[in-house]
């Protein structure tokens, strides 16, 4: 199951990594204006349209509406691909997993400007991307949503998914600017927690730290400290020039934009309250 919109640069690599698996591939598109549909159909994918609301709701719509007559479901982003080792591992392990295993977590390996972001705490990032059909749904959150299983055990796979977006830096910046709006909305919602049996231990710990430590720290200062910790303590500096740009943008700039938008909204509410004056 792959969600798309204008993914002609990335989709061929995702589909090539799924070849020879005998998998039924669904592309859920939200209105592409490029060759996404042509690429998907020529590869034998089943192509459906559904208007986009949020990422979580698009995933859940696909789960509820696609004819997923299978034992296991794998969700990929269009800019992700399976390593050959992961594909072989899946083909070997999936038929033999016991019935009480409901979900599988995979490590995501991010590439930026062709270089693996191996340091800075960015690898491994564990994601629940494979689940037994009917056993998982996506959290209904504007941002930082995760797959939750409804029962059974979650196991980890040995090999990786590669995340490598080929649309360039301008697209990356525009995308993260949009993500910052979603993150502001998400932070203004009730802070939710995750249990290890719902989404996997690493995911639950990450959510806990984000809510209890980062979320409780002062605006603006926390963005700088987070970048400093990732770049120097967690050795993002070892990722070279690409790593300098990536860690600065992802850990500092992106987080600073989120804090600035939170601050802007707080100021707007205060100004509105002052204009209304005290209640009679």
Protein backbone atom coordinates (compact mmCIF):
# COMPACT_ATOMS: atom_id res chain seq x y z
CA UNK A 1 0.00 0.00 0.00
CA UNK A 2 1.63 3.23 -1.21
CA UNK A 3 0.19 6.75 -0.86
CA UNK A 4 1.12 9.12 -3.69
CA UNK A 5 0.81 12.57 -5.12
CA UNK A 6 3.14 13.66 -7.93
CA UNK A 7 5.70 10.94 -7.24
CA UNK A 8 7.10 10.22 -10.70
CA UNK A 9 10.68 10.76 -9.45
CA UNK A 10 10.38 8.38 -6.50
CA UNK A 11 7.77 5.76 -7.33
CA UNK A 12 9.81 3.68 -9.83
CA UNK A 13 12.41 2.90 -7.15
CA UNK A 14 9.77 1.87 -4.63
CA UNK A 15 8.07 -0.41 -7.15
CA UNK A 16 11.35 -1.93 -8.34
CA UNK A 17 12.14 -2.94 -4.77
CA UNK A 18 8.84 -4.85 -4.57
CA UNK A 19 9.39 -6.82 -7.76
CA UNK A 20 9.39 -10.62 -7.65
CA UNK A 21 7.54 -10.69 -4.31
CA UNK A 22 4.19 -11.70 -5.78
CA UNK A 23 2.58 -8.88 -3.82
CA UNK A 24 -0.62 -7.11 -4.78
CA UNK A 25 0.32 -3.41 -4.91
CA UNK A 26 -2.22 -0.66 -4.30
CA UNK A 27 -1.44 2.97 -5.11
CA UNK A 28 -3.74 5.39 -3.28
CA UNK A 29 -3.35 8.69 -5.10
CA UNK A 30 -4.68 12.09 -4.02
CA UNK A 31 -4.57 13.91 -7.34
CA UNK A 32 -1.25 13.57 -9.15
CA UNK A 33 -0.59 15.82 -12.14
CA UNK A 34 2.52 14.04 -13.35
CA UNK A 35 3.25 10.50 -14.61
CA UNK A 36 2.47 8.78 -11.30
CA UNK A 37 -0.63 7.04 -12.66
CA UNK A 38 1.15 5.90 -15.83
CA UNK A 39 4.11 4.51 -13.87
CA UNK A 40 1.86 2.69 -11.42
CA UNK A 41 -0.41 1.12 -14.04
CA UNK A 42 2.49 0.08 -16.27
CA UNK A 43 3.97 -1.77 -13.28
CA UNK A 44 0.73 -3.67 -12.75
CA UNK A 45 -0.37 -1.77 -9.67
CA UNK A 46 -4.00 -1.19 -8.74
CA UNK A 47 -4.50 2.57 -8.85
CA UNK A 48 -7.26 4.29 -6.87
CA UNK A 49 -8.03 7.93 -6.09
CA UNK A 50 -9.04 9.32 -2.73
CA UNK A 51 -9.01 12.99 -1.72
CA UNK A 52 -6.39 13.78 0.92
CA UNK A 53 -7.31 15.01 4.39
CA UNK A 54 -4.49 13.91 6.67
CA UNK A 55 -1.88 11.19 6.26
CA UNK A 56 -3.42 9.14 9.06
CA UNK A 57 -6.92 9.32 7.60
CA UNK A 58 -5.62 8.43 4.15
CA UNK A 59 -3.96 5.33 5.57
CA UNK A 60 -7.10 4.35 7.48
CA UNK A 61 -9.30 4.93 4.44
CA UNK A 62 -7.06 2.56 2.50
CA UNK A 63 -7.22 -0.06 5.25
CA UNK A 64 -11.02 0.16 5.40
CA UNK A 65 -11.78 0.37 1.68
CA UNK A 66 -9.15 -1.48 -0.34
CA UNK A 67 -9.83 -5.16 -1.09
CA UNK A 68 -6.91 -6.38 0.99
CA UNK A 69 -7.46 -10.12 0.63
CA UNK A 70 -4.11 -11.06 2.13
CA UNK A 71 -2.47 -12.20 5.34
CA UNK A 72 -0.04 -9.28 5.69
CA UNK A 73 -0.08 -5.61 4.73
CA UNK A 74 3.06 -3.54 4.06
CA UNK A 75 2.84 0.24 3.88
CA UNK A 76 5.51 2.22 2.05
CA UNK A 77 5.92 5.89 1.28
CA UNK A 78 6.62 6.58 -2.37
CA UNK A 79 10.16 7.73 -1.55
CA UNK A 80 10.97 4.51 0.31
CA UNK A 81 12.24 1.17 -0.95
CA UNK A 82 13.06 -2.22 0.47
CA UNK A 83 16.65 -3.35 0.57
CA UNK A 84 17.24 -6.70 -1.17
CA UNK A 85 18.09 -8.16 2.23
CA UNK A 86 14.76 -7.02 3.70
CA UNK A 87 12.85 -8.43 0.74
CA UNK A 88 14.52 -11.81 1.20
CA UNK A 89 13.87 -11.68 4.94
CA UNK A 90 10.17 -11.00 4.40
CA UNK A 91 9.80 -13.78 1.86
CA UNK A 92 11.46 -16.17 4.29
CA UNK A 93 9.84 -15.13 7.58
CA UNK A 94 6.28 -14.07 6.81
CA UNK A 95 4.92 -17.56 6.05
CA UNK A 96 6.50 -18.97 9.22
CA UNK A 97 5.45 -16.36 11.82
CA UNK A 98 3.30 -17.66 14.68
CA UNK A 99 -0.33 -16.54 14.85
CA UNK A 100 0.23 -14.32 17.89
CA UNK A 101 2.57 -12.00 15.94
CA UNK A 102 0.46 -9.08 14.68
CA UNK A 103 3.03 -6.49 13.62
CA UNK A 104 6.60 -6.14 12.41
CA UNK A 105 8.90 -3.19 12.98
CA UNK A 106 11.47 -2.15 10.39
CA UNK A 107 14.47 0.16 10.64
CA UNK A 108 14.35 3.19 8.36
CA UNK A 109 17.64 4.27 6.78
CA UNK A 110 17.43 7.89 5.57
CA UNK A 111 19.56 9.17 2.69
CA UNK A 112 20.07 12.89 2.03
CA UNK A 113 21.99 14.12 -1.03
CA UNK A 114 22.96 10.50 -1.63
CA UNK A 115 24.51 10.00 1.81
CA UNK A 116 23.20 7.75 4.58
CA UNK A 117 22.32 9.80 7.69
CA UNK A 118 23.82 7.17 9.93
CA UNK A 119 24.52 9.35 12.97
CA UNK A 120 22.80 12.08 14.97
CA UNK A 121 20.32 9.65 16.51
CA UNK A 122 18.59 9.26 13.17
CA UNK A 123 19.43 5.61 12.71
CA UNK A 124 17.91 3.27 13.54
CA UNK A 125 14.41 4.73 13.49
CA UNK A 126 11.98 1.89 14.14
CA UNK A 127 8.59 1.96 12.40
CA UNK A 128 5.70 -0.48 12.46
CA UNK A 129 5.16 -0.89 8.72
CA UNK A 130 3.92 -4.48 8.38
CA UNK A 131 0.89 -5.87 10.14
CA UNK A 132 -1.40 -8.85 9.99
CA UNK A 133 -4.49 -7.94 7.96
CA UNK A 134 -7.20 -6.51 10.18
CA UNK A 135 -4.93 -6.02 13.20
CA UNK A 136 -3.78 -2.38 12.88
CA UNK A 137 -5.00 1.16 12.36
CA UNK A 138 -3.20 4.50 12.21
CA UNK A 139 -3.47 7.04 15.03
CA UNK A 140 -5.79 9.87 14.04
CA UNK A 141 -3.25 12.64 14.53
CA UNK A 142 -2.26 15.58 12.35
CA UNK A 143 1.44 14.69 12.69
CA UNK A 144 3.73 12.09 14.24
CA UNK A 145 1.12 9.39 13.69
CA UNK A 146 1.95 5.73 14.22
CA UNK A 147 0.38 2.40 13.41
CA UNK A 148 -1.29 0.74 16.41
CA UNK A 149 -1.99 -2.97 16.61
CA UNK A 150 -5.14 -4.21 18.30
CA UNK A 151 -3.60 -7.30 19.86
CA UNK A 152 -0.82 -9.84 19.66
CA UNK A 153 2.93 -9.34 19.68
CA UNK A 154 5.22 -7.04 17.72
CA UNK A 155 8.58 -8.33 16.48
CA UNK A 156 11.55 -6.60 14.84
CA UNK A 157 13.04 -7.40 11.46
CA UNK A 158 16.78 -7.37 10.89
CA UNK A 159 17.02 -5.40 7.65
CA UNK A 160 16.07 -1.90 6.51
CA UNK A 161 13.79 0.29 4.48
CA UNK A 162 15.65 3.05 2.63
CA UNK A 163 14.10 6.52 2.63
CA UNK A 164 15.54 8.67 -0.18
CA UNK A 165 13.49 11.51 -1.62
CA UNK A 166 14.70 12.55 -5.08
CA UNK A 167 12.74 15.80 -5.44
CA UNK A 168 15.49 18.13 -4.22
CA UNK A 169 16.07 20.58 -1.40
CA UNK A 170 13.34 23.08 -2.32
CA UNK A 171 10.73 20.33 -2.12
CA UNK A 172 12.17 19.15 1.21
CA UNK A 173 11.90 22.66 2.67
CA UNK A 174 8.37 23.20 1.34
CA UNK A 175 7.28 19.82 2.68
CA UNK A 176 8.66 20.47 6.13
CA UNK A 177 7.07 23.90 6.20
CA UNK A 178 3.73 22.15 5.63
CA UNK A 179 4.65 19.54 8.23
CA UNK A 180 5.29 22.33 10.73
CA UNK A 181 1.66 23.43 10.43
CA UNK A 182 0.53 19.87 11.13
CA UNK A 183 2.94 19.61 14.05
CA UNK A 184 1.55 22.81 15.60
CA UNK A 185 -1.96 21.41 15.29
CA UNK A 186 -0.81 18.10 16.78
CA UNK A 187 0.91 19.79 19.73
CA UNK A 188 -2.24 21.77 20.50
CA UNK A 189 -4.19 18.53 20.74
CA UNK A 190 -4.14 16.47 23.92
CA UNK A 191 -0.70 14.91 24.29
CA UNK A 192 -1.18 11.19 23.71
CA UNK A 193 0.96 8.34 24.94
CA UNK A 194 1.71 5.01 23.33
CA UNK A 195 2.02 1.64 24.98
CA UNK A 196 4.73 -0.75 23.86
CA UNK A 197 2.17 -3.40 22.96
CA UNK A 198 0.36 -0.90 20.71
CA UNK A 199 3.18 0.48 18.59
CA UNK A 200 6.43 -1.13 19.69
CA UNK A 201 8.84 -0.20 22.47
CA UNK A 202 11.09 2.26 20.58
CA UNK A 203 8.09 4.20 19.26
CA UNK A 204 6.51 4.45 22.69
CA UNK A 205 9.77 5.65 24.28
CA UNK A 206 10.24 8.27 21.56
CA UNK A 207 6.71 9.64 22.12
CA UNK A 208 7.31 9.74 25.89
CA UNK A 209 10.53 11.73 25.51
CA UNK A 210 8.94 14.11 23.02
CA UNK A 211 6.01 14.84 25.35
CA UNK A 212 7.72 14.85 28.72
CA UNK A 213 11.17 16.29 27.96
CA UNK A 214 11.19 18.22 24.70
CA UNK A 215 7.56 19.35 25.03
CA UNK A 216 8.18 20.75 28.53
CA UNK A 217 11.27 22.76 27.49
CA UNK A 218 11.20 26.49 26.60
CA UNK A 219 10.30 27.49 23.06
CA UNK A 220 13.22 28.32 20.73
CA UNK A 221 15.89 27.21 23.22
CA UNK A 222 14.79 23.60 22.86
CA UNK A 223 15.32 23.67 19.09
CA UNK A 224 18.92 24.80 19.52
CA UNK A 225 19.60 22.28 22.27
CA UNK A 226 18.06 19.44 20.26
CA UNK A 227 20.26 20.25 17.25
CA UNK A 228 23.35 20.59 19.43
CA UNK A 229 22.67 17.24 21.11
CA UNK A 230 22.11 15.47 17.80
CA UNK A 231 25.01 17.06 15.95
CA UNK A 232 27.73 16.91 18.61
CA UNK A 233 26.72 14.36 21.26
CA UNK A 234 25.07 11.86 18.88
CA UNK A 235 27.80 12.54 16.28
CA UNK A 236 25.77 13.91 13.40
CA UNK A 237 28.97 15.77 12.57
CA UNK A 238 30.30 12.46 11.15
CA UNK A 239 27.73 12.56 8.34
CA UNK A 240 29.76 15.08 6.34
CA UNK A 241 28.50 18.09 4.39
CA UNK A 242 25.17 16.42 3.64
CA UNK A 243 24.82 15.63 7.33
CA UNK A 244 25.59 19.23 8.34
CA UNK A 245 22.77 20.50 6.12
CA UNK A 246 20.35 17.72 7.03
CA UNK A 247 20.80 17.81 10.79
CA UNK A 248 20.72 21.62 10.86
CA UNK A 249 17.52 21.78 8.81
CA UNK A 250 15.76 18.80 10.37
CA UNK A 251 16.80 19.24 14.01
CA UNK A 252 17.09 23.04 14.29
CA UNK A 253 15.38 24.92 11.43
CA UNK A 254 12.28 22.71 11.29
CA UNK A 255 11.86 22.72 15.07
CA UNK A 256 12.44 26.47 15.22
CA UNK A 257 9.73 27.06 12.60
CA UNK A 258 7.33 24.97 14.69
CA UNK A 259 8.13 27.00 17.81
CA UNK A 260 7.77 30.27 15.91
CA UNK A 261 4.32 29.24 14.67
CA UNK A 262 3.30 28.17 18.18
CA UNK A 263 4.49 31.54 19.51
CA UNK A 264 2.66 33.37 16.73
CA UNK A 265 -0.60 31.61 17.58
CA UNK A 266 -0.19 32.38 21.28
CA UNK A 267 0.37 36.05 20.51
CA UNK A 268 -2.67 36.12 18.24
CA UNK A 269 -4.86 34.61 20.97
CA UNK A 270 -3.54 37.11 23.53
CA UNK A 271 -4.17 40.04 21.17
CA UNK A 272 -7.69 38.78 20.46
CA UNK A 273 -8.42 38.42 24.17
CA UNK A 274 -7.15 41.95 24.88
CA UNK A 275 -9.33 43.42 22.14
CA UNK A 276 -12.41 41.70 23.53
CA UNK A 277 -11.73 43.09 26.97
CA UNK A 278 -12.92 41.66 30.30
CA UNK A 279 -16.22 39.83 30.42
CA UNK A 280 -19.08 41.97 31.81
